[in-house]
């Protein structure tokens, strides 16, 4: 069971993530969109969207630092474990709370606005539930692991982080995550599930940056009307309806 949960299942999810995005882009380019609903309602969107997206930027940045950067590197520059956990609490919890509040507002808007709800797919509804659970568990793990020391004096950078790096280095070490507290295990398992769902939801818009705008040629706008004739400093009157007969 440990091998299935922490080796087979993660690789199945990551494979689905990669192959699913290729398939979606190859065969569903017109569906590669957020299906924007701003036209139907924008009051709640103006509040929820910035909260969610800026909060998620902080959440993703914190995960990159905590999972990708080995603890030995931060120890080498003199950043103690206590200081690191204080920074994680001070930056990670507000970012996570902002993301959760923004997500709640967006889900409420999507449910209570008829046209917006009609444009929501079943995959997206399931994605919202999994995404919300992942964020809430992440906040709890940050507080429990850094402040309450839930599950004993557990440091996820000694277990969870090396496990994730071992997955992407194709040398999985499932025993590391199997020894983590249950909260960290559920958070990690749901995160892999979210990766598998990603290509089939509106989350694909994360990879749709308007990079082409930086290199595309200029757009030249030309008037379709004849060149204006200047008469005493003013333009000639516009051509209107002509009499018939």
C-alpha atoms as a PDB file:
ATOM      1  CA  UNK A   1       0.000   0.000   0.000  1.00  0.00           C
ATOM      2  CA  UNK A   2       2.858   2.397   0.774  1.00  0.00           C
ATOM      3  CA  UNK A   3       4.350   1.769  -2.655  1.00  0.00           C
ATOM      4  CA  UNK A   4       1.019   2.382  -4.363  1.00  0.00           C
ATOM      5  CA  UNK A   5       0.183   5.544  -2.396  1.00  0.00           C
ATOM      6  CA  UNK A   6       3.577   7.218  -2.594  1.00  0.00           C
ATOM      7  CA  UNK A   7       5.211   5.835  -5.741  1.00  0.00           C
ATOM      8  CA  UNK A   8       2.678   4.475  -8.243  1.00  0.00           C
ATOM      9  CA  UNK A   9      -0.105   6.986  -7.585  1.00  0.00           C
ATOM     10  CA  UNK A  10       2.151  10.081  -7.728  1.00  0.00           C
ATOM     11  CA  UNK A  11       3.702   8.988 -11.030  1.00  0.00           C
ATOM     12  CA  UNK A  12       0.257   8.220 -12.479  1.00  0.00           C
ATOM     13  CA  UNK A  13      -0.900  11.709 -11.501  1.00  0.00           C
ATOM     14  CA  UNK A  14       2.197  13.448 -12.868  1.00  0.00           C
ATOM     15  CA  UNK A  15       1.972  11.473 -16.119  1.00  0.00           C
ATOM     16  CA  UNK A  16      -1.681  12.470 -16.447  1.00  0.00           C
ATOM     17  CA  UNK A  17      -0.660  16.064 -15.800  1.00  0.00           C
ATOM     18  CA  UNK A  18       1.856  16.091 -18.650  1.00  0.00           C
ATOM     19  CA  UNK A  19      -0.001  13.925 -21.182  1.00  0.00           C
ATOM     20  CA  UNK A  20      -3.336  15.553 -20.332  1.00  0.00           C
ATOM     21  CA  UNK A  21      -2.031  19.043 -21.050  1.00  0.00           C
ATOM     22  CA  UNK A  22      -0.555  17.898 -24.350  1.00  0.00           C
ATOM     23  CA  UNK A  23      -3.850  16.273 -25.341  1.00  0.00           C
ATOM     24  CA  UNK A  24      -5.906  19.279 -24.262  1.00  0.00           C
ATOM     25  CA  UNK A  25      -3.734  21.712 -26.191  1.00  0.00           C
ATOM     26  CA  UNK A  26      -3.541  19.453 -29.242  1.00  0.00           C
ATOM     27  CA  UNK A  27      -7.232  18.609 -29.545  1.00  0.00           C
ATOM     28  CA  UNK A  28      -9.087  21.240 -27.524  1.00  0.00           C
ATOM     29  CA  UNK A  29      -7.410  24.574 -28.217  1.00  0.00           C
ATOM     30  CA  UNK A  30     -10.723  26.410 -28.287  1.00  0.00           C
ATOM     31  CA  UNK A  31     -11.505  24.985 -24.858  1.00  0.00           C
ATOM     32  CA  UNK A  32      -8.136  26.071 -23.433  1.00  0.00           C
ATOM     33  CA  UNK A  33      -9.607  29.027 -21.582  1.00  0.00           C
ATOM     34  CA  UNK A  34     -10.896  30.223 -18.233  1.00  0.00           C
ATOM     35  CA  UNK A  35     -14.341  30.680 -19.796  1.00  0.00           C
ATOM     36  CA  UNK A  36     -14.415  34.205 -18.422  1.00  0.00           C
ATOM     37  CA  UNK A  37     -17.698  35.190 -16.800  1.00  0.00           C
ATOM     38  CA  UNK A  38     -16.929  38.830 -16.028  1.00  0.00           C
ATOM     39  CA  UNK A  39     -19.689  39.849 -18.420  1.00  0.00           C
ATOM     40  CA  UNK A  40     -22.323  38.355 -16.100  1.00  0.00           C
ATOM     41  CA  UNK A  41     -21.030  39.656 -12.759  1.00  0.00           C
ATOM     42  CA  UNK A  42     -17.992  41.707 -11.792  1.00  0.00           C
ATOM     43  CA  UNK A  43     -18.594  43.121  -8.296  1.00  0.00           C
ATOM     44  CA  UNK A  44     -17.634  39.943  -6.425  1.00  0.00           C
ATOM     45  CA  UNK A  45     -15.088  39.054  -9.105  1.00  0.00           C
ATOM     46  CA  UNK A  46     -13.171  42.284  -8.445  1.00  0.00           C
ATOM     47  CA  UNK A  47     -12.818  41.258  -4.793  1.00  0.00           C
ATOM     48  CA  UNK A  48     -12.385  37.492  -4.968  1.00  0.00           C
ATOM     49  CA  UNK A  49     -10.086  37.198  -7.967  1.00  0.00           C
ATOM     50  CA  UNK A  50      -7.197  39.373  -6.684  1.00  0.00           C
ATOM     51  CA  UNK A  51      -7.425  37.794  -3.225  1.00  0.00           C
ATOM     52  CA  UNK A  52      -7.268  34.283  -4.653  1.00  0.00           C
ATOM     53  CA  UNK A  53      -4.601  34.844  -7.295  1.00  0.00           C
ATOM     54  CA  UNK A  54      -2.210  36.931  -5.178  1.00  0.00           C
ATOM     55  CA  UNK A  55      -2.720  34.559  -2.279  1.00  0.00           C
ATOM     56  CA  UNK A  56      -1.891  31.597  -4.500  1.00  0.00           C
ATOM     57  CA  UNK A  57       1.281  33.331  -5.701  1.00  0.00           C
ATOM     58  CA  UNK A  58       2.435  33.463  -2.099  1.00  0.00           C
ATOM     59  CA  UNK A  59       1.388  29.862  -1.461  1.00  0.00           C
ATOM     60  CA  UNK A  60       3.204  28.541  -4.539  1.00  0.00           C
ATOM     61  CA  UNK A  61       6.296  30.613  -3.731  1.00  0.00           C
ATOM     62  CA  UNK A  62       6.380  29.222  -0.202  1.00  0.00           C
ATOM     63  CA  UNK A  63       6.069  25.664  -1.485  1.00  0.00           C
ATOM     64  CA  UNK A  64       8.904  26.175  -3.950  1.00  0.00           C
ATOM     65  CA  UNK A  65      11.156  27.425  -1.161  1.00  0.00           C
ATOM     66  CA  UNK A  66      10.135  24.728   1.306  1.00  0.00           C
ATOM     67  CA  UNK A  67      10.151  21.755  -1.061  1.00  0.00           C
ATOM     68  CA  UNK A  68      12.801  22.553  -3.636  1.00  0.00           C
ATOM     69  CA  UNK A  69      15.498  24.263  -1.553  1.00  0.00           C
ATOM     70  CA  UNK A  70      17.249  21.732   0.733  1.00  0.00           C
ATOM     71  CA  UNK A  71      17.447  22.564   4.406  1.00  0.00           C
ATOM     72  CA  UNK A  72      21.222  22.366   4.246  1.00  0.00           C
ATOM     73  CA  UNK A  73      21.286  25.406   1.974  1.00  0.00           C
ATOM     74  CA  UNK A  74      19.337  27.600   4.386  1.00  0.00           C
ATOM     75  CA  UNK A  75      21.447  26.294   7.278  1.00  0.00           C
ATOM     76  CA  UNK A  76      24.557  27.253   5.339  1.00  0.00           C
ATOM     77  CA  UNK A  77      23.502  30.902   5.107  1.00  0.00           C
ATOM     78  CA  UNK A  78      22.754  31.045   8.822  1.00  0.00           C
ATOM     79  CA  UNK A  79      18.954  30.730   8.688  1.00  0.00           C
ATOM     80  CA  UNK A  80      18.021  28.659  11.717  1.00  0.00           C
ATOM     81  CA  UNK A  81      15.077  26.251  11.741  1.00  0.00           C
ATOM     82  CA  UNK A  82      13.208  28.419  14.240  1.00  0.00           C
ATOM     83  CA  UNK A  83      13.664  31.535  12.092  1.00  0.00           C
ATOM     84  CA  UNK A  84      12.565  29.644   8.994  1.00  0.00           C
ATOM     85  CA  UNK A  85       9.359  28.468  10.675  1.00  0.00           C
ATOM     86  CA  UNK A  86       8.624  31.986  11.938  1.00  0.00           C
ATOM     87  CA  UNK A  87       8.969  33.288   8.365  1.00  0.00           C
ATOM     88  CA  UNK A  88       6.767  30.446   7.100  1.00  0.00           C
ATOM     89  CA  UNK A  89       4.074  31.400   9.612  1.00  0.00           C
ATOM     90  CA  UNK A  90       4.317  35.133   8.978  1.00  0.00           C
ATOM     91  CA  UNK A  91       4.185  34.829   5.181  1.00  0.00           C
ATOM     92  CA  UNK A  92       2.497  31.507   4.464  1.00  0.00           C
ATOM     93  CA  UNK A  93      -0.563  31.762   6.691  1.00  0.00           C
ATOM     94  CA  UNK A  94      -1.731  35.205   5.436  1.00  0.00           C
ATOM     95  CA  UNK A  95      -1.200  34.080   1.834  1.00  0.00           C
ATOM     96  CA  UNK A  96      -3.166  30.889   2.462  1.00  0.00           C
ATOM     97  CA  UNK A  97      -5.987  32.736   4.221  1.00  0.00           C
ATOM     98  CA  UNK A  98      -6.205  35.240   1.342  1.00  0.00           C
ATOM     99  CA  UNK A  99      -6.394  32.365  -1.138  1.00  0.00           C
ATOM    100  CA  UNK A 100      -9.137  30.616   0.862  1.00  0.00           C
ATOM    101  CA  UNK A 101     -11.207  33.792   1.283  1.00  0.00           C
ATOM    102  CA  UNK A 102     -10.830  34.578  -2.412  1.00  0.00           C
ATOM    103  CA  UNK A 103     -11.806  31.029  -3.363  1.00  0.00           C
ATOM    104  CA  UNK A 104     -14.897  31.152  -1.121  1.00  0.00           C
ATOM    105  CA  UNK A 105     -15.984  34.428  -2.734  1.00  0.00           C
ATOM    106  CA  UNK A 106     -15.442  33.042  -6.238  1.00  0.00           C
ATOM    107  CA  UNK A 107     -17.303  29.807  -5.490  1.00  0.00           C
ATOM    108  CA  UNK A 108     -20.172  31.735  -3.891  1.00  0.00           C
ATOM    109  CA  UNK A 109     -20.337  34.006  -6.938  1.00  0.00           C
ATOM    110  CA  UNK A 110     -20.277  31.024  -9.278  1.00  0.00           C
ATOM    111  CA  UNK A 111     -23.057  29.274  -7.375  1.00  0.00           C
ATOM    112  CA  UNK A 112     -25.326  32.259  -6.880  1.00  0.00           C
ATOM    113  CA  UNK A 113     -25.025  33.815 -10.364  1.00  0.00           C
ATOM    114  CA  UNK A 114     -27.146  31.750 -12.745  1.00  0.00           C
ATOM    115  CA  UNK A 115     -25.246  32.247 -16.039  1.00  0.00           C
ATOM    116  CA  UNK A 116     -21.905  31.734 -14.279  1.00  0.00           C
ATOM    117  CA  UNK A 117     -23.116  28.543 -12.609  1.00  0.00           C
ATOM    118  CA  UNK A 118     -24.420  27.240 -15.949  1.00  0.00           C
ATOM    119  CA  UNK A 119     -20.931  27.639 -17.438  1.00  0.00           C
ATOM    120  CA  UNK A 120     -19.321  25.571 -14.658  1.00  0.00           C
ATOM    121  CA  UNK A 121     -18.422  22.003 -15.568  1.00  0.00           C
ATOM    122  CA  UNK A 122     -18.553  19.007 -13.242  1.00  0.00           C
ATOM    123  CA  UNK A 123     -14.766  18.749 -13.412  1.00  0.00           C
ATOM    124  CA  UNK A 124     -14.458  22.345 -12.239  1.00  0.00           C
ATOM    125  CA  UNK A 125     -16.816  21.760  -9.299  1.00  0.00           C
ATOM    126  CA  UNK A 126     -14.731  18.788  -8.160  1.00  0.00           C
ATOM    127  CA  UNK A 127     -11.554  20.790  -8.705  1.00  0.00           C
ATOM    128  CA  UNK A 128     -12.777  23.584  -6.424  1.00  0.00           C
ATOM    129  CA  UNK A 129     -13.418  21.073  -3.632  1.00  0.00           C
ATOM    130  CA  UNK A 130      -9.989  19.440  -3.945  1.00  0.00           C
ATOM    131  CA  UNK A 131      -8.195  22.774  -4.307  1.00  0.00           C
ATOM    132  CA  UNK A 132      -9.938  24.170  -1.236  1.00  0.00           C
ATOM    133  CA  UNK A 133      -9.049  21.081   0.799  1.00  0.00           C
ATOM    134  CA  UNK A 134      -5.402  21.277  -0.292  1.00  0.00           C
ATOM    135  CA  UNK A 135      -5.110  24.943   0.713  1.00  0.00           C
ATOM    136  CA  UNK A 136      -6.850  24.496   4.083  1.00  0.00           C
ATOM    137  CA  UNK A 137      -4.703  21.466   4.943  1.00  0.00           C
ATOM    138  CA  UNK A 138      -1.619  23.401   3.910  1.00  0.00           C
ATOM    139  CA  UNK A 139      -2.509  26.205   6.316  1.00  0.00           C
ATOM    140  CA  UNK A 140      -3.146  23.726   9.102  1.00  0.00           C
ATOM    141  CA  UNK A 141       0.132  21.926   8.477  1.00  0.00           C
ATOM    142  CA  UNK A 142       2.027  25.217   8.490  1.00  0.00           C
ATOM    143  CA  UNK A 143       0.498  26.227  11.830  1.00  0.00           C
ATOM    144  CA  UNK A 144       0.676  22.749  13.361  1.00  0.00           C
ATOM    145  CA  UNK A 145       4.198  22.004  12.180  1.00  0.00           C
ATOM    146  CA  UNK A 146       5.665  25.416  12.934  1.00  0.00           C
ATOM    147  CA  UNK A 147       3.768  26.553  16.016  1.00  0.00           C
ATOM    148  CA  UNK A 148       1.855  23.730  17.680  1.00  0.00           C
ATOM    149  CA  UNK A 149       4.480  21.116  16.757  1.00  0.00           C
ATOM    150  CA  UNK A 150       1.681  18.677  15.929  1.00  0.00           C
ATOM    151  CA  UNK A 151       2.846  15.059  15.797  1.00  0.00           C
ATOM    152  CA  UNK A 152       5.863  15.767  17.957  1.00  0.00           C
ATOM    153  CA  UNK A 153       8.810  17.865  16.941  1.00  0.00           C
ATOM    154  CA  UNK A 154       8.309  17.026  13.258  1.00  0.00           C
ATOM    155  CA  UNK A 155      10.190  19.024  10.652  1.00  0.00           C
ATOM    156  CA  UNK A 156       8.713  18.488   7.184  1.00  0.00           C
ATOM    157  CA  UNK A 157      11.957  19.622   5.588  1.00  0.00           C
ATOM    158  CA  UNK A 158      13.548  16.427   6.919  1.00  0.00           C
ATOM    159  CA  UNK A 159      10.866  14.158   5.440  1.00  0.00           C
ATOM    160  CA  UNK A 160       8.276  15.611   3.078  1.00  0.00           C
ATOM    161  CA  UNK A 161      10.658  17.874   1.165  1.00  0.00           C
ATOM    162  CA  UNK A 162      13.288  15.184   0.425  1.00  0.00           C
ATOM    163  CA  UNK A 163      10.459  12.847  -0.615  1.00  0.00           C
ATOM    164  CA  UNK A 164       9.153  15.304  -3.215  1.00  0.00           C
ATOM    165  CA  UNK A 165      12.637  15.903  -4.554  1.00  0.00           C
ATOM    166  CA  UNK A 166      13.172  12.141  -4.782  1.00  0.00           C
ATOM    167  CA  UNK A 167       9.988  11.791  -6.865  1.00  0.00           C
ATOM    168  CA  UNK A 168      11.188  14.298  -9.451  1.00  0.00           C
ATOM    169  CA  UNK A 169      14.699  12.816  -9.367  1.00  0.00           C
ATOM    170  CA  UNK A 170      13.155   9.400 -10.234  1.00  0.00           C
ATOM    171  CA  UNK A 171      14.506   7.859  -7.066  1.00  0.00           C
ATOM    172  CA  UNK A 172      11.391   7.789  -4.858  1.00  0.00           C
ATOM    173  CA  UNK A 173      11.786   7.341  -1.119  1.00  0.00           C
ATOM    174  CA  UNK A 174       8.249   6.552   0.093  1.00  0.00           C
ATOM    175  CA  UNK A 175       9.411   5.780   3.606  1.00  0.00           C
ATOM    176  CA  UNK A 176      10.026   9.492   4.163  1.00  0.00           C
ATOM    177  CA  UNK A 177       6.444  10.566   3.530  1.00  0.00           C
ATOM    178  CA  UNK A 178       5.059   7.446   5.203  1.00  0.00           C
ATOM    179  CA  UNK A 179       6.693   8.573   8.449  1.00  0.00           C
ATOM    180  CA  UNK A 180       5.104  12.044   8.281  1.00  0.00           C
ATOM    181  CA  UNK A 181       2.023  13.023  10.350  1.00  0.00           C
ATOM    182  CA  UNK A 182      -1.323  12.243   8.749  1.00  0.00           C
ATOM    183  CA  UNK A 183      -2.035  15.895   7.920  1.00  0.00           C
ATOM    184  CA  UNK A 184       1.044  16.111   5.714  1.00  0.00           C
ATOM    185  CA  UNK A 185       0.210  12.807   4.025  1.00  0.00           C
ATOM    186  CA  UNK A 186      -3.360  13.816   3.142  1.00  0.00           C
ATOM    187  CA  UNK A 187      -2.157  17.204   1.932  1.00  0.00           C
ATOM    188  CA  UNK A 188       0.434  15.587  -0.342  1.00  0.00           C
ATOM    189  CA  UNK A 189      -1.973  12.933  -1.662  1.00  0.00           C
ATOM    190  CA  UNK A 190      -4.646  15.514  -2.517  1.00  0.00           C
ATOM    191  CA  UNK A 191      -2.018  17.684  -4.168  1.00  0.00           C
ATOM    192  CA  UNK A 192      -1.100  14.802  -6.496  1.00  0.00           C
ATOM    193  CA  UNK A 193      -4.801  14.265  -7.209  1.00  0.00           C
ATOM    194  CA  UNK A 194      -5.114  17.950  -8.099  1.00  0.00           C
ATOM    195  CA  UNK A 195      -2.238  17.586 -10.566  1.00  0.00           C
ATOM    196  CA  UNK A 196      -4.103  14.734 -12.262  1.00  0.00           C
ATOM    197  CA  UNK A 197      -7.291  16.811 -12.524  1.00  0.00           C
ATOM    198  CA  UNK A 198      -5.513  19.957 -13.689  1.00  0.00           C
ATOM    199  CA  UNK A 199      -5.527  19.418 -17.492  1.00  0.00           C
ATOM    200  CA  UNK A 200      -9.289  18.842 -17.558  1.00  0.00           C
ATOM    201  CA  UNK A 201     -10.356  21.990 -15.724  1.00  0.00           C
ATOM    202  CA  UNK A 202     -10.090  25.761 -16.136  1.00  0.00           C
ATOM    203  CA  UNK A 203      -6.740  25.614 -14.308  1.00  0.00           C
ATOM    204  CA  UNK A 204      -5.046  25.220 -17.700  1.00  0.00           C
ATOM    205  CA  UNK A 205      -5.127  29.017 -17.986  1.00  0.00           C
ATOM    206  CA  UNK A 206      -2.131  29.084 -15.615  1.00  0.00           C
ATOM    207  CA  UNK A 207       0.040  28.163 -18.607  1.00  0.00           C
ATOM    208  CA  UNK A 208      -1.504  30.747 -20.937  1.00  0.00           C
ATOM    209  CA  UNK A 209       0.719  33.798 -20.588  1.00  0.00           C
ATOM    210  CA  UNK A 210       0.578  36.429 -23.369  1.00  0.00           C
ATOM    211  CA  UNK A 211       4.277  36.031 -24.145  1.00  0.00           C
ATOM    212  CA  UNK A 212       3.632  36.545 -27.870  1.00  0.00           C
ATOM    213  CA  UNK A 213       2.751  40.178 -27.247  1.00  0.00           C
ATOM    214  CA  UNK A 214       6.439  40.878 -26.605  1.00  0.00           C
ATOM    215  CA  UNK A 215       7.545  39.868 -30.110  1.00  0.00           C
ATOM    216  CA  UNK A 216       4.512  40.334 -32.331  1.00  0.00           C
ATOM    217  CA  UNK A 217       4.594  43.130 -34.969  1.00  0.00           C
ATOM    218  CA  UNK A 218       2.909  46.432 -34.359  1.00  0.00           C
ATOM    219  CA  UNK A 219      -0.761  46.753 -35.167  1.00  0.00           C
ATOM    220  CA  UNK A 220      -1.414  49.602 -37.588  1.00  0.00           C
ATOM    221  CA  UNK A 221      -4.837  51.185 -37.438  1.00  0.00           C
ATOM    222  CA  UNK A 222      -6.100  52.911 -40.594  1.00  0.00           C
ATOM    223  CA  UNK A 223      -9.329  54.753 -41.149  1.00  0.00           C
ATOM    224  CA  UNK A 224     -11.707  53.282 -43.703  1.00  0.00           C
ATOM    225  CA  UNK A 225     -13.035  56.713 -44.704  1.00  0.00           C
ATOM    226  CA  UNK A 226     -11.385  58.895 -47.380  1.00  0.00           C
ATOM    227  CA  UNK A 227      -8.692  61.314 -46.324  1.00  0.00           C
ATOM    228  CA  UNK A 228     -10.289  64.185 -44.489  1.00  0.00           C
ATOM    229  CA  UNK A 229     -10.517  67.411 -46.413  1.00  0.00           C
ATOM    230  CA  UNK A 230      -9.587  70.384 -44.339  1.00  0.00           C
ATOM    231  CA  UNK A 231     -11.838  73.362 -44.864  1.00  0.00           C
ATOM    232  CA  UNK A 232     -11.011  76.406 -42.784  1.00  0.00           C
ATOM    233  CA  UNK A 233      -9.397  74.258 -40.133  1.00  0.00           C
ATOM    234  CA  UNK A 234     -12.260  71.759 -39.766  1.00  0.00           C
ATOM    235  CA  UNK A 235     -12.973  68.381 -41.314  1.00  0.00           C
ATOM    236  CA  UNK A 236     -15.425  67.915 -44.103  1.00  0.00           C
ATOM    237  CA  UNK A 237     -18.858  66.782 -42.961  1.00  0.00           C
ATOM    238  CA  UNK A 238     -19.468  63.054 -42.854  1.00  0.00           C
ATOM    239  CA  UNK A 239     -21.379  61.538 -45.753  1.00  0.00           C
ATOM    240  CA  UNK A 240     -24.936  60.752 -44.716  1.00  0.00           C
ATOM    241  CA  UNK A 241     -27.996  59.241 -46.316  1.00  0.00           C
ATOM    242  CA  UNK A 242     -28.470  60.115 -49.983  1.00  0.00           C
ATOM    243  CA  UNK A 243     -31.775  60.887 -51.567  1.00  0.00           C
ATOM    244  CA  UNK A 244     -33.164  58.226 -53.863  1.00  0.00           C
ATOM    245  CA  UNK A 245     -34.530  59.380 -57.273  1.00  0.00           C
END
